[in-house]
N, C-alpha and C. Protein backbone atom coordinates (compact mmCIF):
# COMPACT_ATOMS: atom_id res chain seq x y z
N MET A 1 -68.88 -175.72 -44.23
CA MET A 1 -68.72 -174.54 -43.31
C MET A 1 -67.51 -173.62 -43.90
N LYS A 2 -66.50 -174.05 -44.23
CA LYS A 2 -65.44 -173.45 -44.42
C LYS A 2 -65.72 -172.52 -45.79
N LYS A 3 -66.24 -172.87 -46.66
CA LYS A 3 -66.80 -172.39 -47.82
C LYS A 3 -67.66 -171.30 -47.53
N ILE A 4 -68.67 -171.29 -46.71
CA ILE A 4 -69.69 -170.31 -46.12
C ILE A 4 -68.78 -169.07 -45.48
N VAL A 5 -67.90 -169.22 -44.60
CA VAL A 5 -66.94 -168.42 -44.03
C VAL A 5 -66.37 -167.54 -45.04
N MET A 6 -65.66 -168.36 -45.86
CA MET A 6 -64.69 -167.86 -47.20
C MET A 6 -65.38 -166.72 -47.84
N MET A 7 -66.60 -167.32 -48.28
CA MET A 7 -67.73 -166.71 -49.14
C MET A 7 -68.08 -165.34 -48.44
N ALA A 8 -68.34 -165.15 -47.14
CA ALA A 8 -68.80 -164.14 -46.46
C ALA A 8 -67.46 -163.10 -46.56
N ILE A 9 -66.36 -163.68 -45.93
CA ILE A 9 -65.26 -162.83 -46.00
C ILE A 9 -65.10 -162.25 -47.30
N LEU A 10 -64.70 -162.79 -48.47
CA LEU A 10 -64.96 -162.06 -49.93
C LEU A 10 -65.99 -161.22 -50.57
N LEU A 11 -67.28 -161.46 -49.85
CA LEU A 11 -68.26 -160.64 -49.87
C LEU A 11 -68.04 -159.33 -49.37
N GLY A 12 -67.55 -159.36 -48.07
CA GLY A 12 -67.43 -158.22 -47.07
C GLY A 12 -66.16 -157.44 -47.99
N LEU A 13 -65.17 -157.92 -48.41
CA LEU A 13 -63.92 -157.29 -49.02
C LEU A 13 -64.52 -156.75 -50.41
N ALA A 14 -65.45 -157.31 -51.03
CA ALA A 14 -66.00 -156.74 -52.22
C ALA A 14 -66.95 -155.59 -51.77
N GLY A 15 -67.58 -155.62 -50.58
CA GLY A 15 -68.44 -154.28 -50.23
C GLY A 15 -67.54 -153.41 -49.83
N CYS A 16 -66.38 -153.52 -49.28
CA CYS A 16 -65.34 -152.42 -48.93
C CYS A 16 -64.73 -151.71 -50.25
N SER A 17 -64.29 -152.47 -51.10
CA SER A 17 -63.73 -151.96 -52.33
C SER A 17 -64.92 -151.01 -53.10
N HIS A 18 -65.76 -151.33 -52.61
CA HIS A 18 -67.00 -150.59 -53.79
C HIS A 18 -67.02 -149.19 -52.74
N LEU A 19 -66.93 -149.18 -51.61
CA LEU A 19 -66.96 -148.11 -51.02
C LEU A 19 -65.67 -147.34 -51.42
N GLU A 20 -64.65 -147.53 -51.44
CA GLU A 20 -63.24 -147.21 -51.68
C GLU A 20 -63.44 -146.12 -53.29
N GLN A 21 -64.18 -146.81 -54.00
CA GLN A 21 -64.51 -146.12 -55.37
C GLN A 21 -65.03 -144.96 -55.41
N ASN A 22 -65.90 -144.67 -54.29
CA ASN A 22 -66.43 -143.26 -54.11
C ASN A 22 -65.47 -142.20 -53.58
N ALA A 23 -64.32 -142.32 -53.16
CA ALA A 23 -63.51 -141.54 -52.39
C ALA A 23 -63.04 -140.31 -53.18
N GLY A 24 -63.30 -139.29 -52.64
CA GLY A 24 -63.10 -138.19 -53.53
C GLY A 24 -64.38 -137.71 -54.62
N GLN A 25 -65.20 -138.69 -54.88
CA GLN A 25 -66.26 -138.30 -55.64
C GLN A 25 -67.42 -137.34 -55.14
N MET A 26 -67.48 -137.35 -53.80
CA MET A 26 -68.65 -136.72 -52.99
C MET A 26 -68.34 -135.18 -52.96
N ALA A 27 -69.03 -134.41 -53.54
CA ALA A 27 -68.67 -132.91 -52.98
C ALA A 27 -68.36 -132.52 -51.60
N MET A 28 -67.54 -131.89 -51.21
CA MET A 28 -67.51 -131.16 -49.72
C MET A 28 -67.94 -130.00 -49.68
N PHE A 29 -67.78 -129.34 -50.84
CA PHE A 29 -68.02 -127.89 -50.80
C PHE A 29 -68.92 -127.31 -51.47
N GLN A 30 -69.99 -126.59 -51.06
CA GLN A 30 -71.18 -126.14 -51.83
C GLN A 30 -70.88 -125.74 -53.39
N ILE A 31 -71.85 -125.81 -54.30
CA ILE A 31 -71.56 -125.28 -55.62
C ILE A 31 -72.69 -124.54 -55.51
N PRO A 32 -72.30 -123.20 -56.11
CA PRO A 32 -73.35 -122.23 -56.12
C PRO A 32 -74.21 -122.34 -57.36
N GLU A 33 -75.41 -121.65 -57.04
CA GLU A 33 -76.36 -121.62 -58.41
C GLU A 33 -75.80 -120.99 -59.60
N GLN A 34 -75.04 -119.73 -59.13
CA GLN A 34 -74.65 -118.69 -60.22
C GLN A 34 -73.47 -118.24 -59.64
N GLU A 35 -72.36 -118.13 -60.68
CA GLU A 35 -71.11 -117.43 -59.98
C GLU A 35 -71.50 -115.93 -59.67
N ALA A 36 -70.81 -115.50 -58.53
CA ALA A 36 -70.91 -114.21 -58.10
C ALA A 36 -70.80 -113.24 -59.34
N GLN A 37 -71.63 -112.14 -59.10
CA GLN A 37 -71.65 -110.94 -60.23
C GLN A 37 -70.41 -110.37 -60.01
N TRP A 38 -69.49 -110.19 -58.98
CA TRP A 38 -68.45 -109.34 -58.60
C TRP A 38 -67.31 -109.92 -59.36
N ILE A 39 -67.32 -111.61 -59.39
CA ILE A 39 -66.22 -112.33 -59.89
C ILE A 39 -66.43 -112.27 -61.61
N GLN A 40 -67.67 -112.22 -62.11
CA GLN A 40 -67.89 -112.14 -63.49
C GLN A 40 -67.33 -110.59 -63.96
N ASP A 41 -67.53 -109.89 -63.13
CA ASP A 41 -67.24 -108.33 -63.73
C ASP A 41 -65.60 -108.27 -63.63
N GLY A 42 -64.96 -109.30 -62.92
CA GLY A 42 -63.49 -109.25 -63.16
C GLY A 42 -62.60 -108.49 -61.77
N GLU A 43 -63.71 -108.26 -60.98
CA GLU A 43 -63.12 -107.67 -59.46
C GLU A 43 -62.41 -108.76 -58.85
N PRO A 44 -61.24 -108.00 -58.10
CA PRO A 44 -60.54 -109.44 -57.16
C PRO A 44 -60.87 -109.66 -56.20
N ILE A 45 -60.23 -110.61 -55.60
CA ILE A 45 -60.19 -111.15 -53.97
C ILE A 45 -58.94 -110.47 -53.50
N VAL A 46 -59.14 -110.01 -52.34
CA VAL A 46 -58.00 -109.60 -51.62
C VAL A 46 -57.66 -110.49 -50.52
N TYR A 47 -56.38 -110.88 -50.67
CA TYR A 47 -56.14 -112.10 -49.64
C TYR A 47 -54.80 -112.01 -49.26
N GLU A 48 -54.33 -111.83 -48.02
CA GLU A 48 -52.95 -111.66 -47.51
C GLU A 48 -52.50 -110.48 -47.99
N GLY A 49 -53.42 -109.42 -48.26
CA GLY A 49 -53.11 -108.04 -48.51
C GLY A 49 -52.75 -107.74 -50.09
N GLN A 50 -53.04 -108.88 -50.91
CA GLN A 50 -52.73 -108.99 -52.26
C GLN A 50 -54.11 -109.14 -53.08
N GLN A 51 -54.14 -108.54 -54.33
CA GLN A 51 -55.24 -108.69 -54.88
C GLN A 51 -55.12 -109.97 -56.09
N TRP A 52 -56.09 -110.59 -56.24
CA TRP A 52 -56.10 -111.70 -57.07
C TRP A 52 -56.98 -111.55 -58.10
N TYR A 53 -56.87 -111.84 -59.36
CA TYR A 53 -57.77 -111.41 -60.26
C TYR A 53 -58.21 -112.74 -61.14
N PRO A 54 -59.63 -112.63 -61.35
CA PRO A 54 -60.31 -113.82 -61.89
C PRO A 54 -60.04 -114.04 -63.50
N GLU A 55 -59.75 -115.32 -63.75
CA GLU A 55 -59.17 -115.47 -65.21
C GLU A 55 -60.34 -116.06 -65.78
N ASP A 56 -60.40 -116.01 -67.28
CA ASP A 56 -61.01 -116.71 -68.28
C ASP A 56 -60.85 -118.09 -68.17
N ARG A 57 -60.45 -118.74 -67.31
CA ARG A 57 -59.82 -120.33 -67.26
C ARG A 57 -60.32 -120.85 -66.05
N PHE A 58 -60.50 -122.11 -65.88
CA PHE A 58 -60.64 -122.74 -64.65
C PHE A 58 -59.71 -124.26 -64.85
N ASP A 59 -59.51 -124.86 -63.52
CA ASP A 59 -58.75 -126.20 -63.49
C ASP A 59 -60.25 -126.81 -63.19
N VAL A 60 -59.98 -128.24 -63.43
CA VAL A 60 -60.89 -129.24 -63.25
C VAL A 60 -60.23 -129.98 -61.80
N LEU A 61 -60.84 -129.97 -60.62
CA LEU A 61 -60.24 -130.50 -59.58
C LEU A 61 -61.55 -131.20 -58.55
N LEU A 62 -60.95 -132.20 -57.78
CA LEU A 62 -61.75 -132.67 -57.00
C LEU A 62 -61.67 -131.76 -55.59
N ASP A 63 -62.81 -131.82 -54.90
CA ASP A 63 -62.84 -131.08 -53.46
C ASP A 63 -61.91 -131.66 -52.73
N SER A 64 -61.22 -132.90 -52.65
CA SER A 64 -60.36 -133.53 -52.07
C SER A 64 -58.78 -133.02 -52.29
N GLU A 65 -58.68 -132.13 -53.32
CA GLU A 65 -57.59 -131.74 -54.06
C GLU A 65 -57.11 -130.32 -53.41
N VAL A 66 -58.31 -129.54 -52.72
CA VAL A 66 -58.10 -128.35 -52.19
C VAL A 66 -58.19 -128.05 -50.85
N TYR A 67 -57.64 -126.82 -50.46
CA TYR A 67 -57.80 -126.58 -48.92
C TYR A 67 -58.87 -125.25 -49.12
N PHE A 68 -59.77 -125.19 -48.10
CA PHE A 68 -60.32 -123.87 -48.06
C PHE A 68 -59.38 -122.97 -47.08
N LYS A 69 -59.44 -121.86 -47.85
CA LYS A 69 -58.73 -120.79 -47.25
C LYS A 69 -59.44 -119.62 -46.65
N GLY A 70 -60.55 -119.34 -47.02
CA GLY A 70 -61.35 -118.35 -46.30
C GLY A 70 -62.48 -117.92 -47.25
N ALA A 71 -63.23 -117.12 -46.97
CA ALA A 71 -64.19 -116.46 -47.86
C ALA A 71 -64.24 -115.03 -48.11
N TYR A 72 -64.47 -114.57 -49.32
CA TYR A 72 -64.09 -113.12 -49.63
C TYR A 72 -65.60 -112.62 -50.30
N ARG A 73 -66.30 -111.61 -49.51
CA ARG A 73 -67.59 -111.23 -50.18
C ARG A 73 -68.49 -112.54 -50.21
N ASP A 74 -68.66 -113.31 -49.27
CA ASP A 74 -69.19 -114.41 -49.21
C ASP A 74 -69.07 -115.48 -50.21
N VAL A 75 -67.85 -115.73 -50.67
CA VAL A 75 -67.83 -116.53 -51.55
C VAL A 75 -66.23 -117.05 -51.12
N PRO A 76 -66.50 -118.67 -50.85
CA PRO A 76 -65.38 -119.20 -50.33
C PRO A 76 -64.18 -119.44 -51.56
N PHE A 77 -63.03 -119.45 -50.97
CA PHE A 77 -61.72 -119.59 -51.85
C PHE A 77 -60.94 -120.51 -51.41
N PHE A 78 -59.99 -121.08 -52.44
CA PHE A 78 -59.36 -122.32 -52.05
C PHE A 78 -57.82 -122.07 -52.74
N VAL A 79 -57.13 -123.29 -52.11
CA VAL A 79 -55.69 -123.34 -52.79
C VAL A 79 -55.51 -124.78 -53.05
N GLN A 80 -54.60 -125.16 -54.01
CA GLN A 80 -54.59 -126.41 -54.26
C GLN A 80 -53.71 -127.00 -53.18
N LYS A 81 -53.88 -128.51 -52.91
CA LYS A 81 -53.08 -129.04 -51.73
C LYS A 81 -51.65 -129.14 -52.14
N ILE A 82 -51.21 -129.37 -53.29
CA ILE A 82 -49.97 -129.39 -53.74
C ILE A 82 -49.17 -128.14 -53.74
N ASP A 83 -49.56 -127.02 -53.64
CA ASP A 83 -49.23 -125.79 -53.74
C ASP A 83 -48.67 -125.04 -52.36
N VAL A 84 -47.66 -124.25 -52.45
CA VAL A 84 -47.21 -123.91 -51.19
C VAL A 84 -46.90 -122.36 -51.14
N ARG A 85 -46.77 -121.70 -50.08
CA ARG A 85 -46.49 -120.20 -50.29
C ARG A 85 -45.04 -119.87 -50.75
N PRO A 86 -45.09 -118.90 -51.60
CA PRO A 86 -46.30 -118.17 -52.09
C PRO A 86 -47.12 -118.57 -53.10
N TYR A 87 -48.38 -118.63 -52.94
CA TYR A 87 -49.15 -119.37 -53.84
C TYR A 87 -49.20 -118.70 -55.14
N ARG A 88 -49.31 -119.67 -56.35
CA ARG A 88 -49.54 -119.12 -57.69
C ARG A 88 -50.82 -118.77 -57.98
N LYS A 89 -51.80 -119.68 -57.58
CA LYS A 89 -53.33 -119.09 -57.82
C LYS A 89 -54.19 -119.65 -56.67
N ILE A 90 -55.20 -118.86 -56.61
CA ILE A 90 -56.37 -119.47 -55.60
C ILE A 90 -57.56 -119.45 -56.42
N PHE A 91 -58.68 -120.10 -55.98
CA PHE A 91 -59.75 -120.97 -56.75
C PHE A 91 -61.04 -120.36 -55.99
N THR A 92 -61.95 -120.33 -56.82
CA THR A 92 -63.47 -120.35 -56.38
C THR A 92 -64.00 -121.27 -57.14
N LYS A 93 -65.01 -121.83 -56.45
CA LYS A 93 -65.73 -123.08 -57.06
C LYS A 93 -67.03 -122.61 -57.71
N PHE A 94 -67.29 -122.95 -58.94
CA PHE A 94 -68.60 -122.63 -59.67
C PHE A 94 -69.12 -123.74 -60.27
N GLY A 95 -68.67 -124.74 -60.38
CA GLY A 95 -69.48 -126.12 -60.84
C GLY A 95 -68.88 -127.24 -60.32
N ARG A 96 -69.38 -128.39 -60.71
CA ARG A 96 -68.85 -129.77 -59.88
C ARG A 96 -67.68 -129.81 -60.49
N ASN A 97 -66.59 -129.85 -59.73
CA ASN A 97 -65.06 -130.03 -60.09
C ASN A 97 -64.65 -128.76 -60.77
N LYS A 98 -65.27 -127.71 -61.01
CA LYS A 98 -64.76 -126.58 -61.59
C LYS A 98 -64.56 -125.72 -60.78
N PHE A 99 -63.41 -125.03 -60.80
CA PHE A 99 -62.72 -123.84 -59.85
C PHE A 99 -62.01 -122.73 -60.82
N ARG A 100 -62.70 -121.92 -60.66
CA ARG A 100 -62.41 -120.73 -61.35
C ARG A 100 -60.84 -120.14 -60.78
N ILE A 101 -59.63 -120.14 -61.82
CA ILE A 101 -58.40 -119.47 -61.25
C ILE A 101 -58.35 -118.12 -61.19
N PHE A 102 -57.78 -117.80 -59.94
CA PHE A 102 -57.61 -116.23 -59.64
C PHE A 102 -55.76 -116.32 -59.51
N SER A 103 -55.31 -115.16 -60.40
CA SER A 103 -53.94 -114.95 -60.25
C SER A 103 -53.68 -113.60 -59.44
N PRO A 104 -52.18 -113.55 -58.96
CA PRO A 104 -51.94 -112.42 -58.22
C PRO A 104 -51.71 -111.07 -59.36
N GLY A 105 -52.05 -110.05 -58.92
CA GLY A 105 -51.92 -108.82 -59.45
C GLY A 105 -50.61 -108.16 -59.37
N GLU A 106 -50.14 -107.70 -60.38
CA GLU A 106 -48.80 -107.12 -60.54
C GLU A 106 -48.57 -105.83 -59.52
C-alpha cells in the first residue's frame, strides 16, 4: 500500500513538472499575418510625445518578457520588462518570439 501511495505522489509530481516546462512558451499576444505597411515604410510610432522609428533588426523575446504599453494605428506595442524609463526601445510583434525594435528619434 505504501508503494502505491508513493507511486501516485511521484506520478503527480512528474505531471506538475511537465506543466512547468511550458511556462513562457504559449503566446499571450496575437501574431499578425503580415506586418503593418506603415511599419514596413519606416513610419514612426508616437508614444509619450516622442517618435519611435522601426529598425531593420529585431529581438527574440518571449511574450512573458514584455509589457503591453498600448496600440498605435491598431498595432500593439511593448517594452521589455527589464527596461525602465526613459525606455531605450519599444517593440511590435511580427512573428513567434520576434519583436521589431523601434528607437527614439533625435
